[in-house]
N, C-alpha and C. Protein backbone atom coordinates (compact mmCIF):
# COMPACT_ATOMS: atom_id res chain seq x y z
N MET A 1 55.01 18.15 -35.67
CA MET A 1 55.02 18.03 -34.43
C MET A 1 55.32 19.36 -34.04
N ALA A 2 54.69 19.72 -32.83
CA ALA A 2 54.67 21.03 -32.11
C ALA A 2 55.78 21.01 -31.41
N GLU A 3 56.46 22.62 -31.84
CA GLU A 3 57.89 22.50 -30.69
C GLU A 3 57.12 22.74 -29.60
N GLU A 4 58.07 22.35 -28.70
CA GLU A 4 57.93 22.56 -27.04
C GLU A 4 58.93 22.88 -26.55
N THR A 5 58.80 23.61 -25.84
CA THR A 5 59.94 24.65 -24.72
C THR A 5 60.04 23.66 -23.52
N ARG A 6 61.34 23.57 -23.47
CA ARG A 6 62.09 22.90 -22.20
C ARG A 6 63.15 23.78 -21.68
N GLY A 7 64.01 23.05 -20.51
CA GLY A 7 65.52 23.57 -19.95
C GLY A 7 64.93 25.25 -19.97
N ALA A 8 65.98 25.86 -20.16
CA ALA A 8 66.40 27.14 -20.73
C ALA A 8 65.50 28.12 -21.29
N GLY A 9 64.51 27.54 -21.51
CA GLY A 9 63.66 28.42 -22.52
C GLY A 9 63.91 28.20 -24.15
N ARG A 10 64.37 27.22 -24.37
CA ARG A 10 64.99 26.47 -25.54
C ARG A 10 63.77 25.76 -26.05
N ARG A 11 64.02 25.44 -27.61
CA ARG A 11 63.27 24.43 -28.47
C ARG A 11 63.38 23.14 -28.14
N ALA A 12 62.82 22.06 -28.00
CA ALA A 12 63.25 21.15 -27.79
C ALA A 12 64.02 20.37 -29.14
N GLY A 13 64.99 19.86 -29.28
CA GLY A 13 65.94 18.93 -30.01
C GLY A 13 66.79 20.53 -30.94
N ARG A 14 66.68 21.63 -30.07
CA ARG A 14 67.78 22.52 -30.68
C ARG A 14 68.75 23.01 -29.60
N PRO A 15 69.47 22.60 -29.64
CA PRO A 15 70.55 23.41 -28.48
C PRO A 15 70.60 24.69 -28.16
N ALA A 16 70.77 25.22 -26.81
CA ALA A 16 70.98 26.36 -26.80
C ALA A 16 71.78 27.69 -27.43
N THR A 17 72.00 28.38 -27.27
CA THR A 17 73.07 29.20 -27.60
C THR A 17 73.82 29.28 -26.13
N LEU A 18 74.89 29.03 -26.10
CA LEU A 18 75.66 28.74 -24.81
C LEU A 18 76.11 30.33 -24.97
N SER A 19 76.17 30.27 -23.52
CA SER A 19 76.64 32.09 -23.08
C SER A 19 77.17 31.88 -21.71
N ARG A 20 78.24 32.43 -21.05
CA ARG A 20 78.45 32.58 -19.77
C ARG A 20 76.77 32.75 -18.51
N GLU A 21 76.27 33.95 -18.97
CA GLU A 21 75.16 34.06 -18.41
C GLU A 21 74.37 32.96 -18.39
N LEU A 22 74.05 32.08 -19.29
CA LEU A 22 73.42 30.97 -19.39
C LEU A 22 74.05 29.79 -18.60
N ILE A 23 75.17 29.55 -18.81
CA ILE A 23 75.77 28.70 -17.95
C ILE A 23 75.59 29.11 -16.41
N VAL A 24 75.95 30.47 -15.73
CA VAL A 24 76.26 30.38 -14.59
C VAL A 24 74.83 30.75 -14.05
N ALA A 25 73.70 31.10 -14.78
CA ALA A 25 72.25 30.79 -14.33
C ALA A 25 71.97 29.57 -13.89
N ALA A 26 72.29 28.34 -15.12
CA ALA A 26 72.08 27.07 -14.82
C ALA A 26 72.83 26.63 -13.25
N ALA A 27 74.50 27.18 -13.37
CA ALA A 27 74.96 26.69 -11.81
C ALA A 27 74.48 27.03 -10.86
N ARG A 28 73.66 28.16 -10.95
CA ARG A 28 73.22 28.94 -9.10
C ARG A 28 71.93 27.84 -9.19
N ARG A 29 71.15 27.47 -10.17
CA ARG A 29 69.57 26.94 -9.62
C ARG A 29 70.28 25.48 -9.42
N ILE A 30 71.11 25.09 -9.91
CA ILE A 30 71.84 23.63 -9.38
C ILE A 30 72.35 23.79 -8.03
N ALA A 31 73.15 24.63 -7.64
CA ALA A 31 73.59 24.82 -6.56
C ALA A 31 72.31 25.36 -5.44
N ASP A 32 71.48 26.03 -5.68
CA ASP A 32 70.26 26.17 -5.14
C ASP A 32 69.51 25.17 -4.38
N ALA A 33 69.18 24.33 -5.57
CA ALA A 33 68.48 23.51 -5.40
C ALA A 33 69.23 21.90 -4.63
N GLU A 34 70.34 21.37 -4.85
CA GLU A 34 70.87 20.60 -4.88
C GLU A 34 72.17 20.89 -3.83
N GLY A 35 73.00 21.79 -3.62
CA GLY A 35 74.02 22.39 -2.90
C GLY A 35 75.27 22.37 -3.81
N LEU A 36 76.39 22.94 -3.17
CA LEU A 36 77.49 23.22 -3.96
C LEU A 36 78.42 21.90 -4.64
N ASP A 37 78.30 20.87 -3.47
CA ASP A 37 78.60 19.81 -3.55
C ASP A 37 77.98 18.75 -5.11
N ALA A 38 76.91 19.32 -5.40
CA ALA A 38 76.19 18.40 -6.64
C ALA A 38 76.84 19.52 -7.60
N LEU A 39 77.58 20.17 -7.66
CA LEU A 39 77.55 21.30 -8.94
C LEU A 39 78.41 20.83 -9.66
N THR A 40 78.62 20.23 -10.48
CA THR A 40 79.62 19.53 -11.66
C THR A 40 79.30 20.00 -12.95
N VAL A 41 80.59 20.26 -13.58
CA VAL A 41 80.48 20.84 -15.14
C VAL A 41 79.47 19.46 -15.84
N ARG A 42 79.36 18.30 -15.56
CA ARG A 42 78.46 17.67 -16.28
C ARG A 42 77.12 17.58 -16.04
N ARG A 43 77.27 18.29 -14.74
CA ARG A 43 75.44 18.31 -14.18
C ARG A 43 74.79 19.28 -14.85
N VAL A 44 75.84 20.57 -14.82
CA VAL A 44 75.52 21.62 -15.46
C VAL A 44 75.03 21.67 -17.28
N ALA A 45 75.85 20.99 -17.78
CA ALA A 45 75.86 20.45 -19.25
C ALA A 45 74.66 19.71 -19.35
N HIS A 46 74.13 18.83 -18.77
CA HIS A 46 73.18 18.09 -18.51
C HIS A 46 71.86 19.05 -18.39
N ALA A 47 72.02 19.91 -17.47
CA ALA A 47 70.61 20.87 -17.39
C ALA A 47 70.09 21.44 -18.50
N LEU A 48 71.46 21.95 -18.98
CA LEU A 48 71.72 23.10 -20.20
C LEU A 48 71.08 21.74 -21.76
N GLY A 49 71.12 20.48 -21.85
CA GLY A 49 70.64 19.73 -22.20
C GLY A 49 71.81 19.83 -23.44
N THR A 50 72.95 19.99 -23.10
CA THR A 50 74.38 20.05 -24.17
C THR A 50 75.18 19.02 -23.31
N GLY A 51 76.26 18.66 -23.84
CA GLY A 51 77.56 17.68 -23.63
C GLY A 51 78.57 18.77 -22.73
N PRO A 52 79.01 18.17 -22.03
CA PRO A 52 80.42 19.02 -21.52
C PRO A 52 81.55 19.73 -21.83
N ALA A 53 81.82 19.16 -23.00
CA ALA A 53 82.84 19.52 -24.42
C ALA A 53 82.12 21.14 -24.77
N SER A 54 80.88 21.45 -24.48
CA SER A 54 80.48 22.89 -24.84
C SER A 54 80.55 23.75 -24.11
N LEU A 55 80.94 23.37 -22.72
CA LEU A 55 80.96 24.05 -21.76
C LEU A 55 82.33 24.83 -21.42
N TYR A 56 83.12 23.81 -21.91
CA TYR A 56 84.51 24.04 -21.96
C TYR A 56 84.83 25.31 -22.74
N ARG A 57 84.16 25.73 -23.62
CA ARG A 57 84.32 26.98 -24.41
C ARG A 57 84.20 28.43 -23.82
N HIS A 58 83.75 27.91 -22.52
CA HIS A 58 83.24 29.20 -21.66
C HIS A 58 83.98 29.36 -20.29
N PHE A 59 84.80 28.13 -20.17
CA PHE A 59 85.27 27.80 -18.57
C PHE A 59 86.52 26.82 -18.74
N ALA A 60 87.39 26.97 -17.87
CA ALA A 60 88.27 25.60 -18.08
C ALA A 60 88.02 24.47 -17.33
N ASP A 61 87.56 24.66 -16.06
CA ASP A 61 86.72 23.46 -15.36
C ASP A 61 85.92 24.09 -14.16
N ARG A 62 85.93 22.86 -13.18
CA ARG A 62 84.91 23.34 -12.05
C ARG A 62 85.20 24.45 -11.39
N GLU A 63 86.72 24.36 -11.26
CA GLU A 63 87.20 25.53 -10.08
C GLU A 63 86.91 27.09 -10.95
N GLU A 64 87.16 27.23 -12.01
CA GLU A 64 86.78 28.34 -12.79
C GLU A 64 85.11 28.46 -13.02
N LEU A 65 84.94 27.48 -12.85
CA LEU A 65 83.01 27.85 -12.95
C LEU A 65 82.64 28.47 -11.41
N LEU A 66 83.34 27.71 -10.28
CA LEU A 66 83.19 28.32 -8.97
C LEU A 66 83.65 30.06 -9.33
N GLY A 67 84.38 30.20 -9.88
CA GLY A 67 85.13 31.56 -9.98
C GLY A 67 83.83 32.60 -10.58
N LEU A 68 83.03 31.95 -11.57
CA LEU A 68 82.00 32.70 -12.26
C LEU A 68 81.09 33.02 -11.45
N LEU A 69 80.53 31.91 -10.49
CA LEU A 69 79.74 31.91 -9.42
C LEU A 69 79.87 33.19 -8.26
N ALA A 70 81.06 33.00 -7.98
CA ALA A 70 81.78 34.19 -7.10
C ALA A 70 81.37 35.55 -7.76
N ARG A 71 81.67 35.73 -8.65
CA ARG A 71 81.13 36.88 -9.81
C ARG A 71 80.12 37.39 -9.81
N ASP A 72 79.22 35.99 -10.34
CA ASP A 72 77.84 36.43 -9.64
C ASP A 72 77.27 36.87 -8.38
N VAL A 73 78.10 36.35 -7.58
CA VAL A 73 77.86 36.81 -6.17
C VAL A 73 77.96 38.65 -5.64
N ALA A 74 79.07 38.89 -6.09
CA ALA A 74 79.46 40.09 -6.24
C ALA A 74 78.73 41.28 -6.56
N GLU A 75 78.47 40.35 -7.96
CA GLU A 75 77.92 41.52 -8.80
C GLU A 75 76.13 41.75 -8.10
N ARG A 76 75.68 40.74 -7.99
CA ARG A 76 74.38 40.87 -7.27
C ARG A 76 74.92 41.69 -5.47
N LEU A 77 75.80 41.67 -4.95
CA LEU A 77 75.97 42.60 -3.72
C LEU A 77 75.93 44.20 -3.98
N THR A 78 76.97 43.96 -5.07
CA THR A 78 77.31 45.92 -5.35
C THR A 78 76.26 46.62 -5.15
N PRO A 79 74.94 46.42 -5.98
CA PRO A 79 74.06 47.29 -5.95
C PRO A 79 73.38 47.61 -4.70
N LEU A 80 73.46 46.83 -3.85
CA LEU A 80 72.94 46.87 -2.23
C LEU A 80 73.83 48.07 -1.77
N ALA A 81 75.28 47.61 -1.86
CA ALA A 81 76.18 48.97 -1.47
C ALA A 81 76.13 50.11 -1.74
N ARG A 82 76.19 49.91 -3.26
CA ARG A 82 75.81 51.30 -3.85
C ARG A 82 74.73 52.40 -3.27
N ALA A 83 73.88 51.57 -3.13
CA ALA A 83 72.36 52.23 -2.84
C ALA A 83 72.49 53.04 -1.32
N ALA A 84 73.07 51.83 -0.68
CA ALA A 84 73.49 52.23 0.81
C ALA A 84 74.21 53.47 0.97
N ARG A 85 75.09 53.54 0.04
CA ARG A 85 76.17 54.82 -0.10
C ARG A 85 75.23 56.03 -0.38
N GLN A 86 74.34 55.66 -1.54
CA GLN A 86 74.00 57.23 -1.77
C GLN A 86 72.40 57.24 -0.83
N ALA A 87 72.03 56.50 -0.33
CA ALA A 87 70.56 56.58 0.64
C ALA A 87 70.87 57.86 1.41
N GLU A 88 69.85 58.53 1.84
CA GLU A 88 69.72 59.26 2.84
C GLU A 88 69.79 58.63 4.48
N GLY A 89 70.26 59.68 5.06
CA GLY A 89 69.88 58.98 6.71
C GLY A 89 71.43 59.39 7.36
N ALA A 90 71.58 58.31 8.55
CA ALA A 90 73.07 58.52 9.13
C ALA A 90 73.64 57.26 8.55
N PRO A 91 74.81 57.33 8.30
CA PRO A 91 75.83 56.10 8.08
C PRO A 91 75.36 54.81 8.98
N ALA A 92 75.23 54.80 10.13
CA ALA A 92 75.27 53.55 10.81
C ALA A 92 73.56 53.17 10.65
N VAL A 93 72.85 53.81 10.11
CA VAL A 93 71.51 53.47 9.71
C VAL A 93 71.72 52.42 8.45
N ARG A 94 72.21 53.07 7.56
CA ARG A 94 72.39 52.71 6.20
C ARG A 94 73.31 51.31 6.09
N LEU A 95 74.54 51.64 6.97
CA LEU A 95 75.09 50.02 7.47
C LEU A 95 74.31 49.26 7.54
N GLU A 96 73.13 49.33 8.54
CA GLU A 96 72.85 48.20 9.20
C GLU A 96 71.73 47.83 8.16
N VAL A 97 70.99 48.47 7.43
CA VAL A 97 70.27 48.22 5.76
C VAL A 97 71.06 47.39 5.21
N LEU A 98 72.28 47.96 4.99
CA LEU A 98 72.78 47.30 3.76
C LEU A 98 73.51 45.82 4.35
N TRP A 99 74.03 45.64 5.88
CA TRP A 99 74.50 44.20 6.01
C TRP A 99 73.25 43.34 6.29
N ARG A 100 71.64 43.76 6.71
CA ARG A 100 70.94 43.25 6.74
C ARG A 100 70.70 42.82 5.17
N GLU A 101 70.41 43.57 4.31
CA GLU A 101 70.31 43.21 2.79
C GLU A 101 71.33 42.01 2.62
N SER A 102 72.45 42.45 2.53
CA SER A 102 73.72 41.42 2.31
C SER A 102 73.45 40.13 3.05
N ARG A 103 73.00 40.28 4.08
CA ARG A 103 72.64 38.52 4.92
C ARG A 103 71.81 37.72 4.00
N ASP A 104 70.53 38.83 4.18
CA ASP A 104 69.23 37.92 3.00
C ASP A 104 69.64 37.55 1.59
N ALA A 105 70.69 38.24 0.95
CA ALA A 105 70.81 38.24 -0.14
C ALA A 105 71.99 36.77 -0.33
N LEU A 106 72.63 36.70 0.82
CA LEU A 106 73.59 35.28 1.09
C LEU A 106 72.92 34.45 1.28
N ALA A 107 71.77 34.33 2.40
CA ALA A 107 71.07 33.21 2.79
C ALA A 107 70.00 32.73 1.89
N ALA A 108 69.39 33.20 1.00
CA ALA A 108 69.12 32.89 -0.26
C ALA A 108 69.41 31.98 -1.14
N HIS A 109 71.11 32.18 -1.04
CA HIS A 109 71.79 31.09 -1.99
C HIS A 109 72.66 30.33 -0.98
N PRO A 110 72.52 29.52 0.07
CA PRO A 110 73.58 29.11 1.03
C PRO A 110 74.79 28.82 0.59
N TRP A 111 74.92 28.21 -0.87
CA TRP A 111 75.87 27.91 -1.33
C TRP A 111 77.21 29.23 -1.44
N ALA A 112 76.65 30.27 -1.80
CA ALA A 112 77.22 31.51 -1.92
C ALA A 112 78.16 31.81 -0.91
N VAL A 113 78.01 31.56 0.50
CA VAL A 113 78.70 31.94 1.99
C VAL A 113 80.23 30.93 1.47
N ARG A 114 79.89 29.75 1.18
CA ARG A 114 80.89 28.84 1.24
C ARG A 114 81.88 29.31 0.25
N ILE A 115 81.55 29.86 -0.65
CA ILE A 115 82.45 30.32 -2.02
C ILE A 115 83.31 31.74 -1.15
N ILE A 116 82.34 32.38 -0.60
CA ILE A 116 83.42 33.35 0.09
C ILE A 116 84.29 33.19 0.85
N ALA A 117 83.93 32.40 2.35
CA ALA A 117 84.73 31.96 3.00
C ALA A 117 85.63 31.05 3.17
N GLU A 118 85.64 30.56 1.61
CA GLU A 118 87.19 29.43 1.64
C GLU A 118 87.65 30.42 0.70
N GLY A 119 87.35 31.63 0.38
CA GLY A 119 88.55 32.74 0.08
C GLY A 119 89.55 32.34 -1.13
N VAL A 120 88.89 31.39 -1.87
CA VAL A 120 89.88 30.67 -2.73
C VAL A 120 89.84 31.79 -4.30
N HIS A 121 88.61 32.00 -4.31
CA HIS A 121 87.85 32.83 -5.85
C HIS A 121 87.39 34.23 -5.28
N VAL A 122 89.00 34.68 -5.32
CA VAL A 122 88.44 36.51 -5.08
C VAL A 122 88.89 36.91 -6.47
N VAL A 123 87.37 37.58 -6.64
CA VAL A 123 87.30 38.47 -7.68
C VAL A 123 87.20 39.91 -7.66
N ASP A 124 87.68 40.61 -8.57
CA ASP A 124 87.94 41.94 -8.93
C ASP A 124 86.33 42.80 -8.48
N GLU A 125 85.26 41.88 -9.25
CA GLU A 125 83.86 42.31 -9.19
C GLU A 125 83.54 42.53 -7.64
N ALA A 126 84.18 42.15 -6.44
CA ALA A 126 83.78 42.21 -5.33
C ALA A 126 84.13 43.69 -5.02
N ALA A 127 85.61 44.26 -5.44
CA ALA A 127 85.64 45.48 -4.94
C ALA A 127 84.86 46.86 -5.18
N PRO A 128 83.67 46.58 -5.74
CA PRO A 128 82.80 47.95 -5.74
C PRO A 128 82.18 47.81 -4.34
N PHE A 129 81.56 46.61 -4.14
CA PHE A 129 81.13 46.48 -2.75
C PHE A 129 81.89 46.89 -1.24
N ALA A 130 83.47 46.69 -1.31
CA ALA A 130 84.17 46.88 -0.69
C ALA A 130 84.25 48.43 -0.84
N GLU A 131 84.46 48.95 -1.68
CA GLU A 131 84.84 50.37 -1.75
C GLU A 131 83.54 51.30 -1.05
N ALA A 132 82.30 50.82 -1.84
CA ALA A 132 81.22 51.38 -1.47
C ALA A 132 81.01 51.26 0.33
N VAL A 133 81.22 50.21 1.06
CA VAL A 133 81.01 50.15 2.31
C VAL A 133 82.40 50.68 3.13
N LEU A 134 83.31 50.81 2.49
CA LEU A 134 84.36 51.48 2.79
C LEU A 134 84.10 53.00 3.07
N ALA A 135 83.48 53.58 2.12
CA ALA A 135 83.24 54.98 1.72
C ALA A 135 82.28 55.24 3.30
N LEU A 136 81.20 54.32 3.20
CA LEU A 136 80.28 54.67 4.12
C LEU A 136 80.79 54.56 5.85
N LEU A 137 81.65 53.63 5.90
CA LEU A 137 82.54 53.78 7.29
C LEU A 137 83.05 54.77 7.47
N ALA A 138 83.75 55.34 6.55
CA ALA A 138 84.65 56.65 6.58
C ALA A 138 83.58 57.85 6.69
N SER A 139 82.74 57.67 6.45
CA SER A 139 81.26 58.86 6.27
C SER A 139 81.13 58.69 8.04
N ALA A 140 81.37 57.65 8.32
CA ALA A 140 80.42 57.31 9.97
C ALA A 140 81.75 58.10 10.78
N GLY A 141 82.95 58.16 10.50
CA GLY A 141 83.77 58.79 11.13
C GLY A 141 85.07 58.17 11.09
N LEU A 142 85.34 56.73 10.63
CA LEU A 142 86.40 55.68 10.96
C LEU A 142 87.45 56.58 10.01
N ALA A 143 88.81 56.29 10.74
CA ALA A 143 89.88 56.38 9.63
C ALA A 143 90.07 55.36 8.86
N PRO A 144 90.99 55.25 7.79
CA PRO A 144 91.12 54.15 6.88
C PRO A 144 91.37 53.16 7.36
N GLY A 145 92.21 52.62 8.55
CA GLY A 145 92.71 51.65 9.00
C GLY A 145 91.23 51.21 9.73
N GLU A 146 90.85 52.09 10.31
CA GLU A 146 89.63 51.57 11.49
C GLU A 146 88.76 51.23 10.13
N ALA A 147 88.39 51.56 9.20
CA ALA A 147 87.18 51.41 8.53
C ALA A 147 87.70 49.84 7.71
N ARG A 148 88.94 49.62 7.30
CA ARG A 148 89.22 48.30 6.72
C ARG A 148 88.93 47.34 7.72
N ALA A 149 89.21 47.58 9.00
CA ALA A 149 88.90 46.45 10.06
C ALA A 149 87.97 46.47 10.49
N ALA A 150 86.99 47.43 10.55
CA ALA A 150 85.32 47.04 10.72
C ALA A 150 84.70 46.47 9.74
N TYR A 151 85.32 46.85 8.26
CA TYR A 151 84.75 45.89 7.14
C TYR A 151 84.67 44.47 7.44
N ARG A 152 86.25 44.28 7.86
CA ARG A 152 86.75 42.77 7.77
C ARG A 152 85.51 42.13 8.97
N ALA A 153 85.44 42.91 10.47
CA ALA A 153 84.60 42.55 11.10
C ALA A 153 82.97 42.17 11.17
N LEU A 154 82.44 43.31 9.89
CA LEU A 154 81.64 42.97 9.47
C LEU A 154 80.70 41.95 8.59
N TRP A 155 81.99 41.69 7.77
CA TRP A 155 82.17 40.19 6.96
C TRP A 155 82.29 38.88 8.10
N ASP A 156 83.43 39.01 8.73
CA ASP A 156 83.42 37.95 9.77
C ASP A 156 82.35 37.39 10.68
N PHE A 157 81.27 38.52 10.76
CA PHE A 157 80.34 38.47 11.23
C PHE A 157 79.11 37.66 10.63
N LEU A 158 78.92 38.22 9.45
CA LEU A 158 77.96 37.60 8.55
C LEU A 158 78.18 36.49 7.84
N ILE A 159 79.62 36.43 7.91
CA ILE A 159 80.02 34.91 7.02
C ILE A 159 79.71 33.91 8.69
N GLY A 160 80.07 34.23 9.39
CA GLY A 160 80.02 33.29 10.80
C GLY A 160 78.55 32.59 10.90
N HIS A 161 77.75 33.86 10.91
CA HIS A 161 76.29 33.96 11.22
C HIS A 161 75.83 32.98 10.17
N LEU A 162 76.14 32.95 9.18
CA LEU A 162 75.39 31.86 7.98
C LEU A 162 75.98 30.60 7.84
N LEU A 163 77.49 30.38 8.32
CA LEU A 163 77.75 29.04 8.66
C LEU A 163 77.41 28.47 9.58
N ASN A 164 77.17 29.51 10.42
CA ASN A 164 76.33 28.55 11.78
C ASN A 164 75.25 28.18 12.56
N ALA A 165 74.46 28.47 10.99
CA ALA A 165 72.68 28.68 10.91
C ALA A 165 72.18 27.39 11.18
N HIS A 166 73.13 26.05 11.26
CA HIS A 166 72.63 24.74 11.74
C HIS A 166 73.94 24.44 12.93
N PRO A 167 73.88 25.03 13.79
CA PRO A 167 75.41 24.70 15.05
C PRO A 167 74.91 23.25 15.75
N VAL A 168 75.88 22.16 15.85
CA VAL A 168 75.59 20.94 16.56
C VAL A 168 76.15 21.34 17.98
N GLY A 169 75.03 20.94 19.19
CA GLY A 169 75.45 21.23 20.31
C GLY A 169 75.42 22.26 21.53
N HIS A 170 74.70 23.19 20.60
CA HIS A 170 74.32 24.51 21.13
C HIS A 170 73.12 24.72 21.79
N GLY A 171 72.42 23.65 21.99
CA GLY A 171 71.29 23.37 22.68
C GLY A 171 70.38 24.92 22.61
N SER A 172 69.59 25.36 23.92
CA SER A 172 69.11 26.30 23.71
C SER A 172 69.67 27.60 23.22
N ALA A 173 71.04 27.77 23.19
CA ALA A 173 71.71 28.58 22.55
C ALA A 173 71.71 28.78 21.15
N ALA A 174 71.46 28.11 20.58
CA ALA A 174 71.29 27.74 19.30
C ALA A 174 70.34 29.15 18.50
N PRO A 175 71.27 29.70 17.40
CA PRO A 175 70.56 30.80 17.05
C PRO A 175 69.41 30.55 16.06
N SER A 176 68.41 31.86 16.03
CA SER A 176 67.04 31.54 15.73
C SER A 176 67.27 32.23 14.13
N GLY A 177 68.20 32.24 13.31
CA GLY A 177 68.32 32.30 12.04
C GLY A 177 68.19 34.73 12.01
N ALA A 178 67.82 35.18 11.25
CA ALA A 178 68.05 36.31 10.95
C ALA A 178 67.19 36.70 12.17
N ASP A 179 66.52 36.65 13.03
CA ASP A 179 66.34 37.32 14.18
C ASP A 179 67.51 37.61 15.12
N ASP A 180 68.37 36.38 15.38
CA ASP A 180 69.38 36.84 16.15
C ASP A 180 70.56 37.48 15.25
N TYR A 181 70.61 37.59 14.45
CA TYR A 181 71.64 38.76 13.51
C TYR A 181 71.15 39.99 13.22
N ALA A 182 69.61 40.24 13.16
CA ALA A 182 69.20 41.44 13.11
C ALA A 182 69.04 41.96 14.90
N TRP A 183 69.18 41.12 16.13
CA TRP A 183 69.56 41.86 17.25
C TRP A 183 70.66 42.32 17.63
N ALA A 184 71.96 41.41 16.94
CA ALA A 184 73.26 41.03 17.29
C ALA A 184 73.66 42.62 16.35
N LEU A 185 73.42 42.54 15.10
CA LEU A 185 74.16 43.62 13.93
C LEU A 185 74.14 45.06 14.39
N PRO A 186 73.02 45.80 15.08
CA PRO A 186 73.13 47.26 15.49
C PRO A 186 73.96 47.13 16.82
N ARG A 187 74.05 46.16 17.30
CA ARG A 187 75.35 46.26 18.45
C ARG A 187 76.50 46.43 18.14
N LEU A 188 76.82 45.55 17.24
CA LEU A 188 78.01 45.40 16.75
C LEU A 188 78.60 46.95 15.78
N LEU A 189 77.09 47.13 14.91
CA LEU A 189 78.06 48.30 14.73
C LEU A 189 78.22 49.27 15.63
N ARG A 190 77.42 49.50 16.85
CA ARG A 190 77.34 50.50 17.90
C ARG A 190 78.98 50.57 18.30
N GLY A 191 79.43 49.07 18.27
CA GLY A 191 80.80 48.58 19.05
C GLY A 191 81.95 49.43 17.97
N LEU A 192 81.34 49.23 16.53
CA LEU A 192 82.55 49.36 15.51
C LEU A 192 82.70 51.01 15.36
N LEU A 193 81.63 51.63 15.38
CA LEU A 193 81.32 52.90 15.19
C LEU A 193 81.57 53.93 16.38
N ALA A 194 81.63 53.32 17.65
CA ALA A 194 81.69 54.15 19.22
C ALA A 194 83.36 55.00 18.92
N GLU A 195 83.30 56.35 19.53
CA GLU A 195 84.19 57.17 19.26
C GLU A 195 84.91 56.71 20.55
């Protein structure tokens, strides 16, 4: 009988060697396809062709699994911030590029903004993103306290935009997605960086 591959690239009849990376990848796929509410330990185990008990060797419960997803999000955003910090050009332009790319990265995984907005899963892996953005804001001339306030305002704007992607009752004022974000972002930055 020929061996077939299925699931996460494993052979039929043989369980995959589980790792946190494999588990997080499966959880990300489920959340992307079915939403965060569909993400359960049992659902991830099923996707990996194993039982829930096998997963508990890698994390304690669903909340810790959400924490692993939060780390994954932070680790995906950090290279964007580091690249913006090291790029050539005016800080305002680099900040605009960074926040557009961050919006696109989070929009590709709609569940991610919920994890960030809830604030329950604060992870150390998010610190390098914050540090890079704060350094960019400082290079644009903001004092440390102003840079921190601007950083929070940019996050509030991004999270609000993504959470309000399908507003109810806004009629013709409903946002059009990335276009309204692209229109508002440079205006917000100009206001934040104004002397």
